[in-house]
N, C-alpha and C. Protein backbone atom coordinates (compact mmCIF):
# COMPACT_ATOMS: atom_id res chain seq x y z
N UNK A 1 45.68 12.95 119.89
CA UNK A 1 46.60 12.99 120.80
C UNK A 1 47.70 11.45 121.11
N UNK A 2 48.96 11.48 121.16
CA UNK A 2 49.57 10.28 121.21
C UNK A 2 50.28 10.45 122.58
N UNK A 3 50.47 9.14 122.63
CA UNK A 3 50.83 8.65 124.16
C UNK A 3 51.91 7.77 124.23
N UNK A 4 53.12 8.24 125.13
CA UNK A 4 54.41 7.15 125.52
C UNK A 4 54.48 6.65 126.71
N UNK A 5 55.08 5.78 126.95
CA UNK A 5 54.80 5.11 128.59
C UNK A 5 56.17 4.24 128.70
N UNK A 6 56.52 4.22 129.74
CA UNK A 6 57.90 3.62 129.96
C UNK A 6 57.81 3.10 131.79
N UNK A 7 58.81 2.25 131.99
CA UNK A 7 58.90 2.01 133.44
C UNK A 7 60.21 2.45 134.14
N UNK A 8 59.74 3.09 135.36
CA UNK A 8 61.22 3.60 135.82
C UNK A 8 61.23 2.94 137.26
N UNK A 9 62.42 1.89 137.55
CA UNK A 9 62.68 1.19 138.85
C UNK A 9 63.32 2.07 139.88
N UNK A 10 62.26 1.93 141.18
CA UNK A 10 62.87 2.89 142.25
C UNK A 10 63.79 2.02 143.27
N UNK A 11 64.72 2.63 143.32
CA UNK A 11 65.82 1.81 144.13
C UNK A 11 65.37 2.27 145.53
N UNK A 12 65.49 1.79 146.83
CA UNK A 12 65.33 2.14 147.91
C UNK A 12 66.48 2.46 148.81
N UNK A 13 66.17 3.33 148.98
CA UNK A 13 67.37 3.88 149.85
C UNK A 13 66.88 3.80 151.02
N UNK A 14 64.41 31.29 186.43
CA UNK A 14 64.41 32.12 187.57
C UNK A 14 65.63 32.33 188.43
N UNK A 15 65.79 33.58 188.81
CA UNK A 15 67.30 33.78 189.59
C UNK A 15 67.19 33.31 190.96
N UNK A 16 68.30 32.99 191.55
CA UNK A 16 67.92 32.80 193.02
C UNK A 16 68.88 33.85 193.55
N UNK A 17 68.78 34.44 195.10
CA UNK A 17 69.34 35.06 195.58
C UNK A 17 70.45 34.51 196.53
N UNK A 18 71.92 34.42 196.52
CA UNK A 18 72.54 33.85 197.16
C UNK A 18 73.01 34.27 198.80
N UNK A 19 72.55 33.46 199.65
CA UNK A 19 72.79 33.96 200.93
C UNK A 19 74.33 34.11 201.42
N UNK A 20 74.94 35.55 201.89
CA UNK A 20 76.00 35.92 202.44
C UNK A 20 76.30 35.73 203.66
N UNK A 21 77.44 35.91 203.99
CA UNK A 21 78.08 36.28 205.59
C UNK A 21 79.16 37.40 205.73
N UNK A 22 78.39 38.60 206.34
CA UNK A 22 79.16 39.70 206.17
C UNK A 22 79.88 39.93 207.21
N UNK A 23 81.06 40.00 207.69
CA UNK A 23 82.18 40.65 209.08
C UNK A 23 82.48 41.96 208.92
N UNK A 24 82.04 42.18 210.12
CA UNK A 24 82.86 43.81 209.91
C UNK A 24 84.21 43.69 210.38
N UNK A 25 84.85 44.65 209.89
CA UNK A 25 86.48 44.31 210.15
C UNK A 25 87.04 44.86 211.23
N UNK A 26 86.09 46.00 211.73
CA UNK A 26 86.59 46.97 212.73
C UNK A 26 85.65 46.65 214.04
N UNK A 27 84.74 45.74 213.75
CA UNK A 27 84.18 45.28 214.92
C UNK A 27 84.87 43.84 215.55
N UNK A 28 84.96 44.21 216.92
CA UNK A 28 86.01 43.26 217.37
C UNK A 28 84.97 42.25 218.08
N UNK A 29 83.70 42.45 218.24
CA UNK A 29 82.58 41.77 218.60
C UNK A 29 82.35 40.16 217.36
N UNK A 30 82.28 39.38 218.19
CA UNK A 30 82.25 37.87 217.43
C UNK A 30 80.91 37.91 216.62
N UNK A 31 80.20 39.16 216.49
CA UNK A 31 78.94 39.02 215.86
C UNK A 31 79.44 38.89 214.57
N UNK A 32 78.56 37.86 213.98
CA UNK A 32 78.68 37.40 212.69
C UNK A 32 77.47 37.52 212.05
N UNK A 33 76.98 38.85 211.92
CA UNK A 33 75.91 39.38 210.96
C UNK A 33 75.63 38.43 209.69
N UNK A 34 74.62 37.99 209.63
CA UNK A 34 73.88 37.24 208.49
C UNK A 34 72.60 37.87 207.61
N UNK A 35 73.09 38.06 206.52
CA UNK A 35 72.20 38.76 205.58
C UNK A 35 71.01 37.48 205.57
N UNK A 36 69.97 37.90 205.84
CA UNK A 36 69.14 36.81 205.83
C UNK A 36 67.83 37.20 204.74
N UNK A 37 68.42 38.14 203.78
CA UNK A 37 67.51 38.58 202.90
C UNK A 37 67.36 37.38 201.79
N UNK A 38 66.08 36.89 201.75
CA UNK A 38 65.65 35.84 200.95
C UNK A 38 64.86 36.40 199.50
N UNK A 39 65.00 37.69 199.52
CA UNK A 39 63.84 38.16 198.35
C UNK A 39 64.15 37.27 197.11
N UNK A 40 63.33 36.82 196.55
CA UNK A 40 63.54 36.46 195.28
C UNK A 40 62.56 37.45 194.36
N UNK A 41 62.98 37.10 193.06
CA UNK A 41 62.63 37.81 191.82
C UNK A 41 61.13 37.54 191.98
N UNK A 42 60.29 38.75 192.21
CA UNK A 42 59.18 38.74 192.30
C UNK A 42 58.49 38.69 190.71
N UNK A 43 59.13 39.02 189.75
CA UNK A 43 58.55 39.29 188.32
C UNK A 43 57.98 38.08 187.95
N UNK A 44 56.32 38.11 187.85
CA UNK A 44 55.63 36.83 187.50
C UNK A 44 55.37 37.08 185.99
N UNK A 45 55.84 38.07 185.30
CA UNK A 45 55.22 38.47 183.73
C UNK A 45 55.52 36.96 182.95
N UNK A 46 54.38 36.56 182.27
CA UNK A 46 54.62 35.58 181.39
C UNK A 46 54.44 36.28 180.04
N UNK A 47 54.65 35.27 179.12
CA UNK A 47 54.77 35.93 177.69
C UNK A 47 53.50 35.87 177.12
N UNK A 48 52.71 36.80 176.77
CA UNK A 48 51.48 36.45 176.46
C UNK A 48 51.44 36.77 174.82
N UNK A 49 52.27 36.39 174.16
CA UNK A 49 52.68 36.16 172.82
C UNK A 49 51.61 34.77 172.47
N UNK A 50 50.24 35.06 171.68
CA UNK A 50 49.88 34.03 171.47
C UNK A 50 49.96 33.50 170.05
N UNK A 51 51.21 34.00 169.43
CA UNK A 51 51.40 33.65 167.88
C UNK A 51 51.87 32.07 167.72
N UNK A 52 51.35 31.55 166.67
CA UNK A 52 51.74 30.42 166.47
C UNK A 52 52.21 29.98 165.30
N UNK A 53 52.79 29.10 165.16
CA UNK A 53 53.51 28.17 163.69
C UNK A 53 52.75 28.68 162.80
N UNK A 54 53.75 28.97 161.50
CA UNK A 54 53.07 28.91 160.21
C UNK A 54 52.07 27.51 160.01
N UNK A 55 51.32 27.89 159.05
CA UNK A 55 50.76 26.45 158.75
C UNK A 55 51.68 25.46 158.25
N UNK A 56 51.16 24.40 158.36
CA UNK A 56 52.31 23.25 157.62
C UNK A 56 51.66 23.22 156.02
N UNK A 57 52.72 22.93 155.27
CA UNK A 57 52.47 23.11 154.01
C UNK A 57 51.48 21.53 153.46
N UNK A 58 50.75 21.84 152.44
CA UNK A 58 50.19 20.59 151.93
C UNK A 58 50.11 20.45 150.67
N UNK A 59 50.54 19.29 150.10
CA UNK A 59 50.86 18.93 148.72
C UNK A 59 49.81 17.96 148.04
N UNK A 60 48.57 18.44 147.41
CA UNK A 60 47.50 17.70 146.92
C UNK A 60 48.15 17.32 145.18
N UNK A 61 48.04 15.92 145.04
CA UNK A 61 48.71 15.55 143.68
C UNK A 61 47.10 14.87 142.72
N UNK A 62 47.59 14.74 141.80
CA UNK A 62 46.79 14.21 140.92
C UNK A 62 47.29 12.74 140.65
N UNK A 63 48.43 12.28 140.96
CA UNK A 63 49.08 11.08 140.69
C UNK A 63 49.66 10.42 141.79
N UNK A 64 49.92 9.13 142.04
CA UNK A 64 50.40 8.59 143.17
C UNK A 64 51.89 8.97 143.26
N UNK A 65 52.18 9.29 144.43
CA UNK A 65 53.69 10.21 144.69
C UNK A 65 54.64 8.68 144.86
N UNK A 66 54.27 7.88 144.76
CA UNK A 66 55.49 6.41 144.70
C UNK A 66 55.45 6.36 143.25
N UNK A 67 54.84 6.90 141.96
CA UNK A 67 54.75 6.46 140.84
C UNK A 67 56.09 5.75 140.25
N UNK A 68 55.84 4.55 139.70
CA UNK A 68 56.71 4.18 139.42
C UNK A 68 56.68 3.67 137.65
N UNK A 69 55.38 4.03 137.04
CA UNK A 69 55.64 3.97 135.55
C UNK A 69 55.02 5.28 134.95
N UNK A 70 55.96 6.16 134.30
CA UNK A 70 55.55 7.18 133.76
C UNK A 70 55.54 7.23 132.22
N UNK A 71 54.76 8.05 131.78
CA UNK A 71 54.71 8.01 130.31
C UNK A 71 54.52 9.70 129.76
N UNK A 72 53.77 10.21 128.50
CA UNK A 72 53.70 11.45 128.42
C UNK A 72 52.92 11.61 127.37
N UNK A 73 51.97 12.51 127.37
CA UNK A 73 51.08 12.84 126.12
C UNK A 73 51.66 14.22 125.25
N UNK A 74 51.33 13.88 124.09
CA UNK A 74 51.31 14.97 122.98
C UNK A 74 50.36 15.22 122.24
N UNK A 75 50.34 16.36 121.39
CA UNK A 75 49.33 16.70 120.57
C UNK A 75 49.67 15.96 119.14
N UNK A 76 49.17 15.12 118.64
CA UNK A 76 48.93 14.50 117.07
C UNK A 76 48.71 16.00 115.92
N UNK A 77 49.05 15.69 115.05
CA UNK A 77 48.41 16.27 113.74
C UNK A 77 47.43 17.08 114.04
N UNK A 78 47.46 18.24 113.69
CA UNK A 78 45.78 18.89 113.66
C UNK A 78 45.41 19.13 115.27
N UNK A 79 46.11 18.83 116.29
CA UNK A 79 45.68 18.95 117.84
C UNK A 79 46.63 19.92 118.44
N UNK A 80 47.51 20.67 117.16
CA UNK A 80 48.44 21.58 117.99
C UNK A 80 47.93 22.84 119.09
N UNK A 81 48.16 23.09 120.01
CA UNK A 81 47.59 24.02 120.99
C UNK A 81 46.41 23.72 121.65
N UNK A 82 46.21 22.16 121.37
CA UNK A 82 45.35 21.85 122.72
C UNK A 82 45.74 21.73 123.92
N UNK A 83 44.77 21.38 125.23
CA UNK A 83 45.28 21.53 126.68
C UNK A 83 44.67 20.30 127.11
N UNK A 84 45.95 20.03 127.93
CA UNK A 84 45.71 18.55 129.06
C UNK A 84 45.32 19.25 130.32
N UNK A 85 44.40 18.63 131.11
CA UNK A 85 43.78 19.35 132.05
C UNK A 85 43.57 18.07 133.39
N UNK A 86 43.76 18.90 134.52
CA UNK A 86 43.75 17.69 135.58
C UNK A 86 42.72 18.23 136.72
N UNK A 87 41.74 17.68 137.28
CA UNK A 87 41.02 18.04 138.39
C UNK A 87 41.45 17.35 139.59
N UNK A 88 41.61 18.32 140.58
CA UNK A 88 42.61 17.87 142.00
C UNK A 88 41.21 18.18 143.14
N UNK A 89 40.96 17.57 143.95
CA UNK A 89 39.94 17.81 144.94
C UNK A 89 40.80 17.71 146.38
N UNK A 90 40.78 18.68 146.85
CA UNK A 90 41.63 19.10 148.21
C UNK A 90 41.02 17.80 149.06
N UNK A 91 42.06 17.11 149.86
CA UNK A 91 41.41 16.31 150.80
C UNK A 91 40.74 16.66 152.00
N UNK A 92 41.21 17.81 152.66
CA UNK A 92 40.29 18.69 153.48
C UNK A 92 40.32 20.19 153.18
N UNK A 93 39.08 20.66 153.60
CA UNK A 93 38.93 21.96 153.42
C UNK A 93 38.49 22.51 154.53
N UNK A 94 38.67 24.24 154.74
CA UNK A 94 39.20 24.60 153.76
C UNK A 94 40.70 24.72 153.15
N UNK A 95 40.90 24.51 152.01
CA UNK A 95 42.54 24.34 151.76
C UNK A 95 42.88 25.66 150.75
N UNK A 96 43.71 26.57 151.06
CA UNK A 96 44.21 27.46 150.73
C UNK A 96 45.38 27.27 149.70
N UNK A 97 45.00 27.36 148.17
CA UNK A 97 45.95 27.29 147.51
C UNK A 97 46.88 28.29 146.92
N UNK A 98 48.31 28.24 147.03
CA UNK A 98 49.13 28.83 146.63
C UNK A 98 49.62 28.85 145.63
N UNK A 99 50.06 27.59 145.16
CA UNK A 99 50.72 27.67 143.88
C UNK A 99 50.68 26.48 143.08
N UNK A 100 50.58 25.96 141.86
CA UNK A 100 50.74 24.60 140.97
C UNK A 100 51.60 24.43 140.39
N UNK A 101 52.02 23.09 140.09
CA UNK A 101 53.31 22.68 139.33
C UNK A 101 52.40 21.62 138.31
N UNK A 102 53.20 21.57 137.04
CA UNK A 102 52.85 20.80 135.81
C UNK A 102 54.13 20.27 135.51
N UNK A 103 54.55 18.98 135.50
CA UNK A 103 55.49 18.39 135.06
C UNK A 103 55.79 18.05 133.45
N UNK A 104 56.74 18.35 132.73
CA UNK A 104 56.79 18.40 131.45
C UNK A 104 58.10 17.32 131.08
N UNK A 105 57.91 16.76 129.99
CA UNK A 105 59.01 15.97 129.71
C UNK A 105 60.02 16.59 128.98
N UNK A 106 61.45 16.41 129.02
CA UNK A 106 62.52 16.89 128.18
C UNK A 106 63.30 15.72 127.66
N UNK A 107 63.25 15.43 126.53
CA UNK A 107 64.16 14.22 125.98
C UNK A 107 64.72 14.28 124.49
N UNK A 108 64.55 12.99 123.91
CA UNK A 108 64.82 13.08 122.38
C UNK A 108 63.92 13.70 121.84
N UNK A 109 62.54 13.27 122.35
CA UNK A 109 61.36 13.84 121.48
C UNK A 109 60.90 15.10 121.89
N UNK A 110 60.82 15.20 123.16
CA UNK A 110 60.32 16.64 123.63
C UNK A 110 60.78 17.72 124.44
N UNK A 111 60.56 18.83 124.24
CA UNK A 111 61.23 19.84 124.46
C UNK A 111 60.76 20.47 125.59
N UNK A 112 61.27 20.04 126.56
CA UNK A 112 60.78 20.74 127.88
C UNK A 112 61.09 22.24 128.27
N UNK A 113 62.27 22.59 127.22
CA UNK A 113 62.79 23.98 127.69
C UNK A 113 61.71 25.15 126.96
N UNK A 114 61.04 24.45 126.28
CA UNK A 114 60.11 25.87 125.22
C UNK A 114 59.34 26.60 126.30
N UNK A 115 58.89 27.44 125.75
CA UNK A 115 57.73 28.29 126.50
C UNK A 115 56.37 27.87 126.82
N UNK A 116 55.76 27.74 127.97
CA UNK A 116 54.40 26.85 128.08
C UNK A 116 53.40 27.86 128.72
N UNK A 117 52.25 27.63 128.57
CA UNK A 117 51.05 28.40 129.23
C UNK A 117 50.28 27.65 130.20
N UNK A 118 49.92 27.91 131.22
CA UNK A 118 49.30 27.08 132.24
C UNK A 118 48.05 27.75 132.77
N UNK A 119 47.05 27.13 132.95
CA UNK A 119 45.80 28.10 133.46
C UNK A 119 45.33 27.61 134.65
N UNK A 120 44.81 28.12 136.02
CA UNK A 120 44.14 27.36 136.94
C UNK A 120 42.86 28.09 136.95
N UNK A 121 41.40 27.25 137.35
CA UNK A 121 40.55 27.81 137.97
C UNK A 121 39.65 26.59 138.68
N UNK A 122 38.55 27.36 139.71
CA UNK A 122 38.46 26.71 140.60
C UNK A 122 36.73 26.39 140.08
N UNK A 123 36.24 25.40 140.20
CA UNK A 123 34.83 25.04 139.72
C UNK A 123 34.18 24.06 140.74
N UNK A 124 32.77 23.68 141.04
CA UNK A 124 32.25 22.88 141.56
C UNK A 124 31.95 21.53 140.48
N UNK A 125 31.97 21.67 139.19
CA UNK A 125 31.21 20.43 138.73
C UNK A 125 32.18 19.43 138.65
N UNK A 126 32.48 18.07 138.47
CA UNK A 126 33.44 17.11 138.30
C UNK A 126 34.19 16.81 136.94
N UNK A 127 33.59 17.98 136.12
CA UNK A 127 34.09 18.03 134.98
C UNK A 127 34.32 19.54 134.39
N UNK A 128 35.47 19.66 133.58
CA UNK A 128 35.93 21.22 133.37
C UNK A 128 34.78 21.95 132.20
N UNK A 129 34.49 23.10 132.65
CA UNK A 129 33.59 23.75 131.99
C UNK A 129 34.16 24.26 130.50
N UNK A 130 33.20 24.17 129.55
CA UNK A 130 33.70 24.41 128.26
C UNK A 130 34.15 25.87 128.46
N UNK A 131 33.78 26.68 128.72
CA UNK A 131 34.25 28.06 128.73
C UNK A 131 34.63 28.43 130.09
N UNK A 132 35.57 28.06 131.06
CA UNK A 132 35.89 28.11 132.38
C UNK A 132 36.28 29.80 132.34
N UNK A 133 35.71 30.06 133.80
CA UNK A 133 36.43 31.22 134.49
C UNK A 133 37.86 31.31 135.30
N UNK A 134 38.67 31.39 134.22
CA UNK A 134 40.18 31.35 134.60
C UNK A 134 40.53 32.21 135.97
N UNK A 135 41.11 31.53 136.85
CA UNK A 135 41.35 32.23 138.18
C UNK A 135 42.93 32.92 137.97
N UNK A 136 43.79 32.23 137.10
CA UNK A 136 45.21 32.63 137.10
C UNK A 136 45.83 31.90 135.92
N UNK A 137 46.36 32.67 134.81
CA UNK A 137 47.04 32.37 133.66
C UNK A 137 48.38 32.43 133.92
N UNK A 138 49.34 31.50 133.42
CA UNK A 138 50.80 31.56 133.32
C UNK A 138 51.42 31.44 132.13
N UNK A 139 51.91 32.89 131.84
CA UNK A 139 52.71 32.66 130.69
C UNK A 139 54.29 32.42 131.00
N UNK A 140 54.85 30.70 130.96
CA UNK A 140 55.89 30.85 131.35
C UNK A 140 57.18 30.72 130.53
N UNK A 141 58.24 31.44 130.45
CA UNK A 141 59.20 31.64 129.51
C UNK A 141 60.14 30.33 129.51
N UNK A 142 60.80 30.10 128.10
CA UNK A 142 61.63 29.10 127.77
C UNK A 142 62.68 29.13 128.86
N UNK A 143 62.90 27.98 129.33
CA UNK A 143 63.99 27.89 130.81
C UNK A 143 64.89 26.58 130.24
N UNK A 144 66.35 26.52 130.69
CA UNK A 144 66.99 25.32 130.72
C UNK A 144 66.28 24.20 131.34
N UNK A 145 66.57 22.94 131.03
CA UNK A 145 66.18 21.69 131.84
C UNK A 145 67.15 20.83 132.13
N UNK A 146 67.20 20.00 133.16
CA UNK A 146 68.13 19.10 133.69
C UNK A 146 67.51 17.68 133.86
N UNK A 147 67.69 16.83 133.76
CA UNK A 147 67.20 15.68 134.37
C UNK A 147 66.30 15.19 133.65
N UNK A 148 65.53 15.60 132.24
CA UNK A 148 64.48 15.09 131.75
C UNK A 148 63.41 15.48 132.18
N UNK A 149 63.27 16.53 132.97
CA UNK A 149 62.04 16.67 133.59
C UNK A 149 61.73 18.29 134.08
N UNK A 150 60.99 19.21 133.56
CA UNK A 150 60.85 20.34 133.70
C UNK A 150 59.31 20.78 134.75
N UNK A 151 59.63 20.91 135.82
CA UNK A 151 58.18 21.34 136.68
C UNK A 151 58.05 22.92 136.26
N UNK A 152 56.95 23.06 135.84
CA UNK A 152 56.26 24.53 135.38
C UNK A 152 55.59 24.77 136.60
N UNK A 153 56.21 26.19 137.31
CA UNK A 153 55.61 26.39 138.86
C UNK A 153 54.88 27.88 138.75
N UNK A 154 53.80 27.66 139.02
CA UNK A 154 52.74 28.98 138.99
C UNK A 154 52.41 29.39 140.38
N UNK A 155 52.78 30.50 140.76
CA UNK A 155 52.57 31.05 142.07
C UNK A 155 51.39 32.23 141.84
N UNK A 156 50.19 31.94 142.65
CA UNK A 156 49.15 32.71 142.68
C UNK A 156 49.47 33.95 143.27
N UNK A 157 49.20 35.05 142.69
CA UNK A 157 49.55 36.47 143.35
C UNK A 157 48.74 36.43 144.65
N UNK A 158 47.72 36.45 144.92
CA UNK A 158 46.76 35.85 145.77
C UNK A 158 46.05 34.57 146.40
N UNK A 159 46.64 34.19 147.44
CA UNK A 159 46.03 32.72 147.97
C UNK A 159 44.58 32.73 147.41
N UNK A 160 43.93 31.33 146.98
CA UNK A 160 42.63 31.29 146.90
C UNK A 160 42.20 30.09 148.02
N UNK A 161 41.14 30.43 148.80
CA UNK A 161 40.78 29.48 149.75
C UNK A 161 39.97 28.79 148.92
N UNK A 162 40.05 27.07 148.94
CA UNK A 162 39.08 26.17 148.19
C UNK A 162 38.00 25.37 149.26
N UNK A 163 36.61 25.79 148.94
CA UNK A 163 35.76 25.05 149.98
C UNK A 163 35.53 23.80 149.73
N UNK A 164 34.61 23.33 150.62
CA UNK A 164 34.15 21.81 150.37
C UNK A 164 33.11 21.74 148.94
N UNK A 165 33.19 20.83 148.54
CA UNK A 165 32.59 20.54 146.94
C UNK A 165 33.06 21.45 145.83
N UNK A 166 34.38 22.01 145.99
CA UNK A 166 35.43 22.92 145.25
C UNK A 166 35.95 21.95 144.67
N UNK A 167 36.61 22.55 143.11
CA UNK A 167 37.68 21.34 142.78
C UNK A 167 38.66 22.20 142.07
N UNK A 168 39.75 22.00 142.02
CA UNK A 168 40.89 22.85 141.30
C UNK A 168 41.31 22.02 139.97
N UNK A 169 41.18 22.99 139.06
CA UNK A 169 41.57 22.66 137.91
C UNK A 169 42.99 23.21 137.30
N UNK A 170 43.84 22.30 136.82
CA UNK A 170 45.01 22.83 136.50
C UNK A 170 45.18 22.22 134.76
N UNK A 171 45.57 23.17 133.70
CA UNK A 171 45.52 22.71 132.33
C UNK A 171 46.80 23.50 131.93
N UNK A 172 47.46 22.52 131.04
CA UNK A 172 48.66 23.00 130.06
C UNK A 172 48.53 23.14 128.97
N UNK A 173 48.92 23.99 128.22
CA UNK A 173 48.62 24.16 126.72
C UNK A 173 49.78 23.47 125.98
N UNK A 174 49.90 22.40 124.91
CA UNK A 174 50.72 21.84 124.53
C UNK A 174 50.63 22.31 123.03
N UNK A 175 51.64 23.01 122.74
CA UNK A 175 51.80 23.82 121.24
C UNK A 175 52.11 22.88 120.11
N UNK A 176 52.91 21.94 120.59
CA UNK A 176 53.03 21.09 119.13
C UNK A 176 53.62 19.77 119.62
N UNK A 177 54.01 18.77 118.66
CA UNK A 177 54.30 17.70 119.10
C UNK A 177 55.64 17.10 119.78
N UNK A 178 56.24 18.48 120.17
CA UNK A 178 57.27 18.41 121.03
C UNK A 178 57.09 18.83 122.43
N UNK A 179 55.54 19.14 122.60
CA UNK A 179 55.38 19.43 124.24
C UNK A 179 54.34 18.45 124.54
N UNK A 180 55.42 17.93 125.86
CA UNK A 180 55.02 16.86 126.09
C UNK A 180 54.52 16.88 127.61
N UNK A 181 53.17 16.46 128.05
CA UNK A 181 52.98 16.59 129.45
C UNK A 181 53.01 15.37 130.08
N UNK A 182 53.63 15.08 131.40
CA UNK A 182 53.98 14.06 131.88
C UNK A 182 52.86 13.36 132.50
N UNK A 183 52.77 11.83 132.66
CA UNK A 183 51.80 11.19 133.34
C UNK A 183 52.07 9.91 133.76
N UNK A 184 51.51 9.57 134.98
CA UNK A 184 51.71 8.61 135.64
C UNK A 184 50.78 7.43 135.59
N UNK A 185 51.36 5.98 135.07
CA UNK A 185 50.44 5.02 134.56
C UNK A 185 49.92 4.16 135.90
N UNK A 186 50.39 4.18 137.20
CA UNK A 186 50.15 3.72 138.20
C UNK A 186 48.85 3.56 138.66
N UNK A 187 48.14 4.63 138.47
CA UNK A 187 46.67 4.46 138.71
C UNK A 187 45.51 4.95 137.58
N UNK A 188 45.92 6.00 137.31
CA UNK A 188 44.58 6.31 135.98
C UNK A 188 43.34 6.39 136.26
N UNK A 189 42.99 7.73 136.83
CA UNK A 189 41.80 8.21 137.35
C UNK A 189 41.00 7.96 136.08
N UNK A 190 39.80 7.87 136.02
CA UNK A 190 38.88 7.57 135.01
C UNK A 190 38.14 9.25 134.81
N UNK A 191 37.90 9.72 135.78
CA UNK A 191 37.45 11.17 136.00
C UNK A 191 37.89 12.52 136.11
N UNK A 192 39.34 12.37 136.18
CA UNK A 192 40.13 13.50 136.43
C UNK A 192 41.07 14.22 135.88
N UNK A 193 41.31 13.55 134.54
CA UNK A 193 42.10 14.21 133.46
C UNK A 193 41.63 13.87 131.97
N UNK A 194 41.74 15.18 131.36
CA UNK A 194 40.98 15.59 130.20
C UNK A 194 41.70 16.28 129.32
N UNK A 195 41.13 15.79 128.09
CA UNK A 195 41.95 16.61 126.73
C UNK A 195 40.94 17.85 125.99
N UNK A 196 41.20 18.85 125.82
CA UNK A 196 40.21 20.02 125.69
C UNK A 196 39.56 19.72 123.96
N UNK A 197 40.30 19.17 123.19
CA UNK A 197 39.97 19.15 121.90
C UNK A 197 39.64 20.37 121.20
N UNK A 198 40.22 21.60 121.58
CA UNK A 198 40.07 22.81 121.23
C UNK A 198 41.41 23.51 121.40
N UNK A 199 41.82 24.72 120.53
CA UNK A 199 42.84 25.45 121.39
C UNK A 199 42.13 26.63 121.96
N UNK A 200 41.25 27.03 121.83
CA UNK A 200 40.17 28.12 122.70
C UNK A 200 38.82 27.69 123.02
N UNK A 201 38.40 28.18 123.84
CA UNK A 201 37.05 27.87 124.27
C UNK A 201 36.11 28.42 123.10
N UNK A 202 34.91 27.64 122.99
CA UNK A 202 34.41 26.61 124.06
C UNK A 202 35.15 25.29 123.72
N UNK A 203 35.64 24.59 124.88
CA UNK A 203 36.31 23.28 124.63
C UNK A 203 35.17 22.28 124.75
N UNK A 204 35.87 21.34 124.06
CA UNK A 204 34.91 19.87 123.90
C UNK A 204 35.60 18.90 125.03
N UNK A 205 35.69 19.16 126.31
CA UNK A 205 36.47 18.06 127.18
C UNK A 205 36.11 17.12 127.05
N UNK A 206 37.13 16.09 126.84
CA UNK A 206 37.04 14.51 126.87
C UNK A 206 38.02 13.84 127.74
N UNK A 207 37.79 12.98 128.58
CA UNK A 207 38.53 12.20 129.12
C UNK A 207 39.94 11.51 128.73
N UNK A 208 41.05 11.26 129.20
CA UNK A 208 41.84 10.71 128.41
C UNK A 208 41.62 9.36 128.40
N UNK A 209 41.01 8.56 129.58
CA UNK A 209 40.35 7.18 129.74
C UNK A 209 39.55 6.98 128.69
N UNK A 210 39.08 8.27 127.70
CA UNK A 210 38.14 7.84 126.40
C UNK A 210 39.30 7.62 125.16
N UNK A 211 40.14 7.76 125.49
CA UNK A 211 41.24 7.66 124.43
C UNK A 211 41.83 6.27 124.75
N UNK A 212 41.38 5.81 126.02
CA UNK A 212 42.15 4.43 126.21
C UNK A 212 43.25 4.34 127.14
N UNK A 213 43.84 5.62 127.55
CA UNK A 213 44.85 6.18 128.23
C UNK A 213 44.49 6.15 129.92
N UNK A 214 44.94 4.78 130.44
CA UNK A 214 44.76 5.04 131.94
C UNK A 214 45.80 5.16 132.43
N UNK A 215 45.91 6.82 132.69
CA UNK A 215 47.18 7.29 133.23
C UNK A 215 46.60 8.58 133.95
N UNK A 216 47.50 9.43 134.86
CA UNK A 216 47.19 10.45 135.66
C UNK A 216 48.16 11.52 135.30
N UNK A 217 47.56 12.64 134.63
CA UNK A 217 48.96 13.77 134.60
C UNK A 217 49.48 14.18 135.90
N UNK A 218 50.61 14.55 135.81
CA UNK A 218 51.46 14.64 136.96
C UNK A 218 51.32 16.50 136.96
N UNK A 219 50.45 16.38 138.23
CA UNK A 219 50.21 17.71 138.30
C UNK A 219 50.05 17.67 140.14
N UNK A 220 50.27 19.00 140.48
CA UNK A 220 50.19 19.56 142.02
C UNK A 220 49.72 20.56 142.20
N UNK A 221 48.93 20.54 143.39
CA UNK A 221 48.30 21.91 143.97
C UNK A 221 49.08 21.96 145.44
N UNK A 222 49.72 23.32 145.60
CA UNK A 222 50.27 23.33 146.82
C UNK A 222 49.69 24.41 147.94
N UNK A 223 49.14 24.22 149.03
CA UNK A 223 48.92 25.30 150.00
C UNK A 223 49.00 24.60 151.24
N UNK A 224 47.87 25.06 152.21
CA UNK A 224 47.72 24.42 153.43
C UNK A 224 46.43 24.42 153.60
N UNK A 225 46.01 24.11 154.87
CA UNK A 225 44.77 24.20 155.51
C UNK A 225 44.66 24.75 156.88
């Protein structure tokens, strides 16, 4: 596996009844009858609709949202088709997972417009399983890229509820050395970023940290609590 890194500098930048006076035009009496009807609208019905606003969206990230130092990893010769994976643990549970996002680089070295495969699974161990029970596999077609970054988005057909002690695993397959997964070097968790060392299960997962790569894969889990 190969690794490139660069630094990005961020620049800041109820109705009321009206009382009326009625005068009888044929009445010579000075009687000025006054309508003393003070009936008010007796309708006291209240809205019993207990609908609440939709849940607020939550984004769980595998990297710092203020990342300034980005890089990318891609397979070396003989590693074509290997997978890069991240483990995301929801801050609050239950967490309902709706979609995942994986960022890929597109530049002079990397082809972010090619097709990619992304897999998602849920598990309790803090390291990915050699033969994970994949919840969803996304085959993402080639697409035009602008701005040097392609965000691969996989929407679950049915949202998945993540309970306490469970983790979300997101993996992207890197077909060749033009397949580059973006990373953030601002933090670099030692036990949340992995390399499969195989094309198909059973995988021999190892951490990126074991290669001396102190970076986090730029991956996200979107949902709500």
